[in-house]
Amino acid sequence: MTQPSLFISHGAPDLALSDSPARHFLEKLGKGLARPDAIVIASAHHEARGVAVRAPARFRTWHDFGNFDPRLFEMRYEPPGATALADEIVAMLAAVGLNPRREASDLIDHGAWVPLSLMFPAADVPVVMVSIDPSRDSHWHARIGAALAPLRERNVLLIGSGSISHNLRAIFSARPGADRAWIEDFTDWLEDTIRAGDGPALLDAMAEAPEAQRNHPTDEHLLPLFFAFGAGSRAPGRRLHHSYTHDLLAMDAYAFGRL
């Protein structure tokens, strides 16, 4: 079984409780996928210098946020870690000169556990977390994904979890019905570029895409897209979902490879 590479927008933590199109999409997506033997996920909230690979015997839920519905802090999503696969991933990344390391932490952040809890609610698929490094560029993150792309042919699902737009200042100050043209210009450009398989343009999105800096004042939530692109063998992708939460938080999702 060959799995796709996915990019998903994980939204705010309250996605886990919201009655939103994005939540329903992720629930449906999980049901529609062939059950993977393992999941490798690169979350925008798992930052490290270089590449850190995390896979404890069992993950522990990290409520890495505040000021949300108290019910969120009672939620637990604690899948097993794919420990042997993590060792193999370290070797695969080392073979291409990325100098990875294993992490001792057992925490799983909301950028991983919130979407995974919707896609695979039983928490029974083993997981490996691979970090992002905001000091590195899009090409570097695509290299990480490309190094792990062969795992897809072994029924391992590769996921980049970030946000297709992520201007928190605009979101927090938005009023209902706020203008989204600047987000649509950016996300439409991404869709066209990804569908065309224009890797050079995509990897230079922060310079080439319209309104890129406004959508991503910092780019850590876009870096998982480049991981997913590399993991999809830099092939053309297709947009699976487009909606909004919190008025200005776009929730686009992409697949690279057949679902």
Foldseek 3Di string as FASTA:
>chain_A
DFAWQKEWALPDLCLLPDPDPSLVLLLVVLVPGDDFLAEEEEFLPFEDPFKEKEFAQKAWEDAPDDDDDPVSVVDTQIAHAPVVVSVVLCVLCVVVPRNYYYDPHRYDYSLPRSSCCSNPVVSHRHYMYMYDYLVDALVSLLVSLLSCLVCSVVRYYYYYGFFLFDQVVCLVPDDPPDDAPQVCQQVVVVQVCLQVLVVVCNRVSCPPGGNNCVRPVGCSRVSSVSSSCSSLVSGRKHWDDWDDDSRHGTTIMIIRDDD
